[in-house]
């Protein structure tokens, strides 16, 4: 490993020490900093993985928890986002298994209640509510009962 590669490795270690990155994100950063040298970038990513700076399972778990609890995404949208980051399917499954389904359902109901109020009784409000929830990555089987609960006025907010 030459001096420029060591400098890039140190810079990437500093980045990874501040927040989680998946291996594909770090690979992009390494390739950019090494002026397109993919072979050297792959070696650096391997080194970062070996030293524990980069761990796709740790990243995917944190990503899934954050997107589910804070952002209000459903499993489908989280899965697609992690696939876009080129994370292995088995790692995605493990990460999604750590998401609390009850908290996710509560978050969906809260999101729908806020959206329902913003729609103000429009003629197609229920349909818009369903589309909104589906766009957040929830399945129709999860959405339908939540929409019924919110639109019937029985929701506790």
N, C-alpha and C. Protein backbone atom coordinates (compact mmCIF):
# COMPACT_ATOMS: atom_id res chain seq x y z
N UNK A 1 0.85 -1.18 0.00
CA UNK A 1 0.00 0.00 0.00
C UNK A 1 0.89 1.24 0.00
N UNK A 2 0.66 2.12 -0.98
CA UNK A 2 1.51 3.31 -1.08
C UNK A 2 0.97 4.43 -0.17
N UNK A 3 1.68 5.55 -0.16
CA UNK A 3 1.33 6.65 0.75
C UNK A 3 -0.04 7.25 0.45
N UNK A 4 -0.37 7.42 -0.82
CA UNK A 4 -1.67 8.01 -1.15
C UNK A 4 -2.80 7.08 -0.71
N UNK A 5 -2.60 5.77 -0.86
CA UNK A 5 -3.62 4.82 -0.42
C UNK A 5 -3.76 4.84 1.11
N UNK A 6 -2.65 5.01 1.81
CA UNK A 6 -2.71 5.11 3.27
C UNK A 6 -3.45 6.36 3.72
N UNK A 7 -3.23 7.45 3.00
CA UNK A 7 -3.95 8.70 3.32
C UNK A 7 -5.45 8.52 3.11
N UNK A 8 -5.81 7.88 2.00
CA UNK A 8 -7.22 7.64 1.71
C UNK A 8 -7.81 6.70 2.77
N UNK A 9 -7.06 5.67 3.15
CA UNK A 9 -7.53 4.74 4.17
C UNK A 9 -7.78 5.48 5.49
N UNK A 10 -6.86 6.34 5.88
CA UNK A 10 -7.02 7.11 7.12
C UNK A 10 -8.24 8.02 7.04
N UNK A 11 -8.45 8.65 5.89
CA UNK A 11 -9.61 9.52 5.71
C UNK A 11 -10.91 8.73 5.79
N UNK A 12 -10.93 7.55 5.18
CA UNK A 12 -12.13 6.72 5.22
C UNK A 12 -12.39 6.18 6.63
N UNK A 13 -11.32 5.85 7.34
CA UNK A 13 -11.48 5.42 8.73
C UNK A 13 -12.11 6.53 9.56
N UNK A 14 -11.67 7.75 9.34
CA UNK A 14 -12.23 8.89 10.06
C UNK A 14 -13.71 9.07 9.73
N UNK A 15 -14.08 8.91 8.46
CA UNK A 15 -15.49 9.00 8.07
C UNK A 15 -16.32 7.92 8.77
N UNK A 16 -15.80 6.71 8.74
CA UNK A 16 -16.54 5.58 9.32
C UNK A 16 -16.63 5.67 10.85
N UNK A 17 -15.70 6.36 11.45
CA UNK A 17 -15.74 6.53 12.91
C UNK A 17 -16.86 7.48 13.31
N UNK A 18 -17.24 8.37 12.41
CA UNK A 18 -18.29 9.36 12.72
C UNK A 18 -19.69 8.83 12.52
N UNK A 19 -19.91 7.99 11.50
CA UNK A 19 -21.24 7.43 11.23
C UNK A 19 -21.11 6.14 10.45
N UNK A 20 -22.24 5.41 10.37
CA UNK A 20 -22.25 4.13 9.66
C UNK A 20 -22.29 4.33 8.15
N UNK A 21 -21.55 3.52 7.45
CA UNK A 21 -21.58 3.46 5.99
C UNK A 21 -21.67 2.01 5.59
N UNK A 22 -22.33 1.74 4.47
CA UNK A 22 -22.32 0.40 3.91
C UNK A 22 -21.12 0.27 2.99
N UNK A 23 -20.79 -0.94 2.63
CA UNK A 23 -19.59 -1.16 1.83
C UNK A 23 -19.69 -0.52 0.45
N UNK A 24 -20.88 -0.46 -0.14
CA UNK A 24 -21.00 0.15 -1.47
C UNK A 24 -20.77 1.66 -1.40
N UNK A 25 -21.24 2.32 -0.35
CA UNK A 25 -21.01 3.77 -0.19
C UNK A 25 -19.52 4.06 -0.01
N UNK A 26 -18.88 3.26 0.83
CA UNK A 26 -17.45 3.46 1.07
C UNK A 26 -16.64 3.15 -0.18
N UNK A 27 -17.07 2.15 -0.93
CA UNK A 27 -16.37 1.82 -2.18
C UNK A 27 -16.43 3.00 -3.15
N UNK A 28 -17.60 3.63 -3.26
CA UNK A 28 -17.72 4.81 -4.13
C UNK A 28 -16.78 5.92 -3.69
N UNK A 29 -16.74 6.16 -2.38
CA UNK A 29 -15.87 7.21 -1.85
C UNK A 29 -14.40 6.88 -2.11
N UNK A 30 -14.04 5.61 -1.93
CA UNK A 30 -12.67 5.19 -2.15
C UNK A 30 -12.27 5.33 -3.62
N UNK A 31 -13.15 4.91 -4.51
CA UNK A 31 -12.86 5.01 -5.95
C UNK A 31 -12.68 6.48 -6.34
N UNK A 32 -13.55 7.34 -5.82
CA UNK A 32 -13.44 8.78 -6.12
C UNK A 32 -12.11 9.34 -5.62
N UNK A 33 -11.73 8.98 -4.42
CA UNK A 33 -10.50 9.53 -3.84
C UNK A 33 -9.24 8.94 -4.45
N UNK A 34 -9.38 7.76 -5.04
CA UNK A 34 -8.22 7.12 -5.69
C UNK A 34 -8.25 7.33 -7.19
N UNK A 35 -9.00 8.29 -7.65
CA UNK A 35 -9.07 8.65 -9.08
C UNK A 35 -9.44 7.47 -9.97
N UNK A 36 -10.41 6.67 -9.54
CA UNK A 36 -10.92 5.60 -10.37
C UNK A 36 -10.20 4.27 -10.26
N UNK A 37 -9.26 4.13 -9.34
CA UNK A 37 -8.52 2.88 -9.17
C UNK A 37 -9.39 1.90 -8.36
N UNK A 38 -10.17 1.09 -9.07
CA UNK A 38 -11.13 0.19 -8.42
C UNK A 38 -10.44 -0.91 -7.62
N UNK A 39 -9.34 -1.44 -8.15
CA UNK A 39 -8.62 -2.50 -7.45
C UNK A 39 -8.13 -2.04 -6.07
N UNK A 40 -7.51 -0.88 -6.04
CA UNK A 40 -7.00 -0.34 -4.77
C UNK A 40 -8.17 -0.01 -3.84
N UNK A 41 -9.27 0.50 -4.40
CA UNK A 41 -10.44 0.83 -3.60
C UNK A 41 -11.03 -0.42 -2.96
N UNK A 42 -11.08 -1.51 -3.71
CA UNK A 42 -11.58 -2.77 -3.16
C UNK A 42 -10.70 -3.27 -2.02
N UNK A 43 -9.40 -3.09 -2.16
CA UNK A 43 -8.48 -3.48 -1.08
C UNK A 43 -8.73 -2.64 0.17
N UNK A 44 -8.94 -1.34 -0.01
CA UNK A 44 -9.20 -0.47 1.13
C UNK A 44 -10.51 -0.84 1.82
N UNK A 45 -11.53 -1.13 1.05
CA UNK A 45 -12.81 -1.53 1.63
C UNK A 45 -12.65 -2.84 2.39
N UNK A 46 -11.90 -3.77 1.83
CA UNK A 46 -11.62 -5.02 2.53
C UNK A 46 -10.91 -4.80 3.84
N UNK A 47 -9.96 -3.88 3.84
CA UNK A 47 -9.25 -3.53 5.07
C UNK A 47 -10.19 -2.92 6.09
N UNK A 48 -11.07 -2.01 5.64
CA UNK A 48 -12.02 -1.38 6.55
C UNK A 48 -13.00 -2.40 7.14
N UNK A 49 -13.40 -3.37 6.33
CA UNK A 49 -14.28 -4.43 6.83
C UNK A 49 -13.56 -5.29 7.86
N UNK A 50 -12.31 -5.63 7.57
CA UNK A 50 -11.54 -6.47 8.48
C UNK A 50 -11.31 -5.78 9.82
N UNK A 51 -11.15 -4.47 9.80
CA UNK A 51 -10.91 -3.73 11.03
C UNK A 51 -12.20 -3.34 11.75
N UNK A 52 -13.35 -3.65 11.16
CA UNK A 52 -14.63 -3.38 11.81
C UNK A 52 -15.18 -1.99 11.59
N UNK A 53 -14.57 -1.23 10.69
CA UNK A 53 -15.09 0.11 10.40
C UNK A 53 -16.36 0.05 9.56
N UNK A 54 -16.44 -0.95 8.70
CA UNK A 54 -17.59 -1.12 7.82
C UNK A 54 -18.20 -2.49 8.08
N UNK A 55 -19.49 -2.48 8.37
CA UNK A 55 -20.22 -3.73 8.61
C UNK A 55 -21.62 -3.55 8.02
N UNK A 56 -21.91 -4.27 6.96
CA UNK A 56 -23.19 -4.10 6.27
C UNK A 56 -24.39 -4.47 7.15
N UNK A 57 -24.24 -5.48 8.01
CA UNK A 57 -25.34 -5.85 8.90
C UNK A 57 -25.61 -4.74 9.90
N UNK A 58 -24.56 -4.20 10.47
CA UNK A 58 -24.72 -3.10 11.43
C UNK A 58 -25.37 -1.89 10.75
N UNK A 59 -24.93 -1.58 9.53
CA UNK A 59 -25.50 -0.47 8.77
C UNK A 59 -26.97 -0.73 8.46
N UNK A 60 -27.28 -1.91 7.94
CA UNK A 60 -28.65 -2.23 7.54
C UNK A 60 -29.59 -2.23 8.74
N UNK A 61 -29.13 -2.72 9.87
CA UNK A 61 -29.97 -2.72 11.08
C UNK A 61 -30.27 -1.30 11.54
N UNK A 62 -29.26 -0.47 11.57
CA UNK A 62 -29.46 0.93 11.98
C UNK A 62 -30.36 1.65 10.98
N UNK A 63 -30.16 1.41 9.70
CA UNK A 63 -30.96 2.03 8.65
C UNK A 63 -32.42 1.62 8.79
N UNK A 64 -32.67 0.33 8.98
CA UNK A 64 -34.04 -0.18 9.08
C UNK A 64 -34.74 0.38 10.32
N UNK A 65 -34.05 0.39 11.44
CA UNK A 65 -34.65 0.93 12.67
C UNK A 65 -34.99 2.42 12.51
N UNK A 66 -34.06 3.18 11.95
CA UNK A 66 -34.26 4.62 11.78
C UNK A 66 -35.39 4.91 10.81
N UNK A 67 -35.41 4.25 9.68
CA UNK A 67 -36.43 4.51 8.67
C UNK A 67 -37.81 4.05 9.14
N UNK A 68 -37.86 3.01 9.93
CA UNK A 68 -39.14 2.52 10.44
C UNK A 68 -39.68 3.41 11.55
N UNK A 69 -38.85 3.71 12.53
CA UNK A 69 -39.35 4.42 13.71
C UNK A 69 -39.41 5.93 13.53
N UNK A 70 -38.46 6.51 12.86
CA UNK A 70 -38.42 7.97 12.75
C UNK A 70 -39.08 8.46 11.47
N UNK A 71 -38.71 7.88 10.35
CA UNK A 71 -39.20 8.35 9.06
C UNK A 71 -40.58 7.79 8.73
N UNK A 72 -40.92 6.65 9.31
CA UNK A 72 -42.23 6.06 9.07
C UNK A 72 -42.33 5.23 7.81
N UNK A 73 -41.24 4.63 7.40
CA UNK A 73 -41.27 3.79 6.21
C UNK A 73 -41.71 2.39 6.59
N UNK A 74 -42.34 1.72 5.64
CA UNK A 74 -42.72 0.33 5.80
C UNK A 74 -41.62 -0.60 5.30
N UNK A 75 -41.84 -1.88 5.51
CA UNK A 75 -40.83 -2.89 5.18
C UNK A 75 -40.46 -2.88 3.70
N UNK A 76 -41.42 -2.69 2.83
CA UNK A 76 -41.17 -2.75 1.39
C UNK A 76 -40.20 -1.64 0.97
N UNK A 77 -40.46 -0.43 1.43
CA UNK A 77 -39.61 0.71 1.04
C UNK A 77 -38.20 0.56 1.63
N UNK A 78 -38.12 0.07 2.85
CA UNK A 78 -36.81 -0.16 3.47
C UNK A 78 -36.03 -1.21 2.69
N UNK A 79 -36.72 -2.28 2.32
CA UNK A 79 -36.07 -3.37 1.56
C UNK A 79 -35.51 -2.84 0.23
N UNK A 80 -36.30 -2.05 -0.50
CA UNK A 80 -35.84 -1.51 -1.77
C UNK A 80 -34.66 -0.56 -1.59
N UNK A 81 -34.70 0.25 -0.54
CA UNK A 81 -33.59 1.18 -0.29
C UNK A 81 -32.30 0.42 0.02
N UNK A 82 -32.40 -0.64 0.80
CA UNK A 82 -31.21 -1.44 1.12
C UNK A 82 -30.71 -2.20 -0.11
N UNK A 83 -31.62 -2.67 -0.93
CA UNK A 83 -31.19 -3.33 -2.18
C UNK A 83 -30.46 -2.34 -3.08
N UNK A 84 -30.93 -1.10 -3.10
CA UNK A 84 -30.27 -0.08 -3.91
C UNK A 84 -28.84 0.17 -3.42
N UNK A 85 -28.59 -0.09 -2.15
CA UNK A 85 -27.24 0.05 -1.59
C UNK A 85 -26.41 -1.23 -1.81
N UNK A 86 -26.97 -2.17 -2.56
CA UNK A 86 -26.32 -3.45 -2.89
C UNK A 86 -25.98 -4.28 -1.64
N UNK A 87 -26.89 -4.30 -0.70
CA UNK A 87 -26.71 -5.10 0.51
C UNK A 87 -27.33 -6.47 0.26
N UNK A 88 -26.66 -7.50 0.71
CA UNK A 88 -27.08 -8.88 0.50
C UNK A 88 -28.47 -9.13 1.09
N UNK A 89 -29.25 -9.95 0.42
CA UNK A 89 -30.63 -10.22 0.82
C UNK A 89 -30.72 -10.85 2.22
N UNK A 90 -29.79 -11.70 2.57
CA UNK A 90 -29.83 -12.31 3.91
C UNK A 90 -29.59 -11.27 5.00
N UNK A 91 -28.74 -10.30 4.72
CA UNK A 91 -28.48 -9.22 5.67
C UNK A 91 -29.73 -8.34 5.80
N UNK A 92 -30.41 -8.09 4.68
CA UNK A 92 -31.64 -7.29 4.71
C UNK A 92 -32.69 -7.99 5.57
N UNK A 93 -32.82 -9.30 5.40
CA UNK A 93 -33.79 -10.06 6.19
C UNK A 93 -33.48 -9.95 7.69
N UNK A 94 -32.21 -10.08 8.03
CA UNK A 94 -31.81 -9.96 9.44
C UNK A 94 -32.13 -8.58 9.98
N UNK A 95 -31.83 -7.56 9.22
CA UNK A 95 -32.07 -6.18 9.65
C UNK A 95 -33.56 -5.92 9.83
N UNK A 96 -34.38 -6.41 8.91
CA UNK A 96 -35.82 -6.19 9.01
C UNK A 96 -36.44 -6.98 10.16
N UNK A 97 -35.81 -8.08 10.54
CA UNK A 97 -36.34 -8.85 11.67
C UNK A 97 -36.17 -8.11 12.99
N UNK A 98 -35.28 -7.13 13.03
CA UNK A 98 -35.06 -6.35 14.24
C UNK A 98 -36.04 -5.19 14.40
N UNK A 99 -36.82 -4.92 13.35
CA UNK A 99 -37.78 -3.81 13.41
C UNK A 99 -39.00 -4.26 14.21
N UNK A 100 -39.45 -3.43 15.15
CA UNK A 100 -40.60 -3.72 15.98
C UNK A 100 -41.88 -3.50 15.18
N UNK A 101 -42.62 -4.56 14.91
CA UNK A 101 -43.83 -4.48 14.09
C UNK A 101 -44.92 -3.64 14.75
N UNK A 102 -45.03 -3.72 16.06
CA UNK A 102 -46.07 -2.95 16.76
C UNK A 102 -45.79 -1.46 16.69
N UNK A 103 -44.55 -1.08 16.86
CA UNK A 103 -44.20 0.34 16.74
C UNK A 103 -44.41 0.82 15.31
N UNK A 104 -44.13 -0.04 14.36
CA UNK A 104 -44.31 0.31 12.95
C UNK A 104 -45.79 0.55 12.65
N UNK A 105 -46.65 -0.30 13.18
CA UNK A 105 -48.09 -0.14 12.97
C UNK A 105 -48.60 1.13 13.63
N UNK A 106 -48.09 1.43 14.83
CA UNK A 106 -48.48 2.67 15.52
C UNK A 106 -48.04 3.89 14.73
N UNK A 107 -46.82 3.83 14.19
CA UNK A 107 -46.30 4.94 13.39
C UNK A 107 -47.17 5.15 12.16
N UNK A 108 -47.57 4.06 11.52
CA UNK A 108 -48.43 4.15 10.34
C UNK A 108 -49.75 4.84 10.70
N UNK A 109 -50.35 4.45 11.81
CA UNK A 109 -51.62 5.07 12.22
C UNK A 109 -51.45 6.55 12.50
N UNK A 110 -50.36 6.94 13.15
CA UNK A 110 -50.12 8.36 13.42
C UNK A 110 -49.93 9.14 12.12
N UNK A 111 -49.16 8.58 11.19
CA UNK A 111 -48.96 9.23 9.89
C UNK A 111 -50.29 9.40 9.14
N UNK A 112 -51.10 8.36 9.18
CA UNK A 112 -52.38 8.40 8.48
C UNK A 112 -53.33 9.40 9.13
N UNK A 113 -53.29 9.50 10.45
CA UNK A 113 -54.16 10.45 11.14
C UNK A 113 -53.81 11.88 10.75
N UNK A 114 -52.52 12.17 10.68
CA UNK A 114 -52.09 13.52 10.28
C UNK A 114 -52.48 13.79 8.84
N UNK A 115 -52.25 12.83 7.98
CA UNK A 115 -52.59 12.99 6.57
C UNK A 115 -54.10 13.14 6.39
N UNK A 116 -54.89 12.38 7.15
CA UNK A 116 -56.35 12.44 7.07
C UNK A 116 -56.84 13.85 7.40
N UNK A 117 -56.27 14.44 8.44
CA UNK A 117 -56.66 15.81 8.82
C UNK A 117 -56.28 16.80 7.72
N UNK A 118 -55.15 16.59 7.08
CA UNK A 118 -54.72 17.52 6.03
C UNK A 118 -55.58 17.42 4.77
N UNK A 119 -56.21 16.28 4.57
CA UNK A 119 -57.06 16.10 3.38
C UNK A 119 -58.40 16.81 3.53
N UNK A 120 -58.81 17.08 4.74
CA UNK A 120 -59.99 17.89 5.00
C UNK A 120 -61.29 17.38 4.41
N UNK A 121 -61.50 16.09 4.39
CA UNK A 121 -62.78 15.55 3.94
C UNK A 121 -63.00 15.60 2.44
N UNK A 122 -61.95 15.58 1.66
CA UNK A 122 -62.09 15.56 0.20
C UNK A 122 -62.83 14.29 -0.23
N UNK A 123 -63.44 14.35 -1.40
CA UNK A 123 -64.25 13.23 -1.88
C UNK A 123 -63.44 11.94 -2.00
N UNK A 124 -62.23 12.05 -2.47
CA UNK A 124 -61.39 10.87 -2.65
C UNK A 124 -60.31 10.76 -1.56
N UNK A 125 -60.60 11.27 -0.39
CA UNK A 125 -59.61 11.32 0.70
C UNK A 125 -59.16 9.93 1.13
N UNK A 126 -60.09 9.00 1.20
CA UNK A 126 -59.74 7.65 1.64
C UNK A 126 -58.78 6.99 0.65
N UNK A 127 -59.04 7.18 -0.64
CA UNK A 127 -58.15 6.64 -1.67
C UNK A 127 -56.77 7.28 -1.59
N UNK A 128 -56.75 8.59 -1.37
CA UNK A 128 -55.46 9.29 -1.23
C UNK A 128 -54.70 8.78 -0.01
N UNK A 129 -55.42 8.49 1.05
CA UNK A 129 -54.80 7.97 2.26
C UNK A 129 -54.18 6.60 2.01
N UNK A 130 -54.88 5.77 1.28
CA UNK A 130 -54.36 4.43 0.95
C UNK A 130 -53.11 4.56 0.08
N UNK A 131 -53.17 5.42 -0.94
CA UNK A 131 -52.01 5.62 -1.81
C UNK A 131 -50.81 6.14 -1.02
N UNK A 132 -51.08 7.07 -0.12
CA UNK A 132 -50.02 7.64 0.72
C UNK A 132 -49.33 6.54 1.53
N UNK A 133 -50.12 5.70 2.17
CA UNK A 133 -49.55 4.63 2.99
C UNK A 133 -48.79 3.61 2.15
N UNK A 134 -49.32 3.28 0.99
CA UNK A 134 -48.63 2.34 0.11
C UNK A 134 -47.31 2.93 -0.38
N UNK A 135 -47.29 4.24 -0.63
CA UNK A 135 -46.05 4.88 -1.08
C UNK A 135 -45.00 4.91 0.02
N UNK A 136 -45.41 4.78 1.25
CA UNK A 136 -44.48 4.72 2.38
C UNK A 136 -43.89 3.33 2.56
N UNK A 137 -44.35 2.36 1.78
CA UNK A 137 -43.75 1.03 1.81
C UNK A 137 -44.48 0.02 2.67
N UNK A 138 -45.73 0.29 3.00
CA UNK A 138 -46.52 -0.66 3.77
C UNK A 138 -47.33 -1.52 2.80
N UNK A 139 -47.66 -2.74 3.22
CA UNK A 139 -48.46 -3.62 2.39
C UNK A 139 -49.93 -3.25 2.51
N UNK A 140 -50.71 -3.64 1.55
CA UNK A 140 -52.15 -3.34 1.58
C UNK A 140 -52.80 -3.97 2.80
N UNK A 141 -52.33 -5.16 3.19
CA UNK A 141 -52.89 -5.83 4.37
C UNK A 141 -52.62 -5.04 5.65
N UNK A 142 -51.54 -4.29 5.69
CA UNK A 142 -51.25 -3.42 6.84
C UNK A 142 -52.03 -2.11 6.74
N UNK A 143 -52.18 -1.62 5.53
CA UNK A 143 -52.78 -0.30 5.29
C UNK A 143 -54.29 -0.32 5.52
N UNK A 144 -54.97 -1.29 5.01
CA UNK A 144 -56.44 -1.30 5.03
C UNK A 144 -57.01 -1.14 6.44
N UNK A 145 -56.60 -1.96 7.43
CA UNK A 145 -57.17 -1.78 8.78
C UNK A 145 -56.79 -0.43 9.41
N UNK A 146 -55.59 0.05 9.13
CA UNK A 146 -55.17 1.33 9.69
C UNK A 146 -56.00 2.47 9.10
N UNK A 147 -56.27 2.40 7.81
CA UNK A 147 -57.10 3.43 7.16
C UNK A 147 -58.52 3.39 7.73
N UNK A 148 -59.05 2.20 7.88
CA UNK A 148 -60.41 2.08 8.45
C UNK A 148 -60.47 2.66 9.86
N UNK A 149 -59.44 2.39 10.64
CA UNK A 149 -59.41 2.89 12.02
C UNK A 149 -59.33 4.41 12.04
N UNK A 150 -58.49 4.98 11.19
CA UNK A 150 -58.31 6.43 11.16
C UNK A 150 -59.54 7.14 10.61
N UNK A 151 -60.13 6.60 9.56
CA UNK A 151 -61.26 7.28 8.94
C UNK A 151 -62.56 7.10 9.71
N UNK A 152 -62.61 6.11 10.57
CA UNK A 152 -63.83 5.92 11.36
C UNK A 152 -63.86 6.85 12.57
N UNK A 153 -62.77 7.51 12.86
CA UNK A 153 -62.73 8.45 13.97
C UNK A 153 -62.44 7.82 15.31
N UNK A 154 -62.01 6.56 15.33
CA UNK A 154 -61.75 5.87 16.59
C UNK A 154 -60.28 5.91 16.99
N UNK A 155 -59.47 6.64 16.24
CA UNK A 155 -58.05 6.64 16.53
C UNK A 155 -57.74 7.49 17.76
N UNK A 156 -56.78 7.05 18.52
CA UNK A 156 -56.29 7.81 19.68
C UNK A 156 -54.99 8.48 19.27
N UNK A 157 -54.98 9.78 19.27
CA UNK A 157 -53.78 10.51 18.84
C UNK A 157 -53.18 11.24 20.01
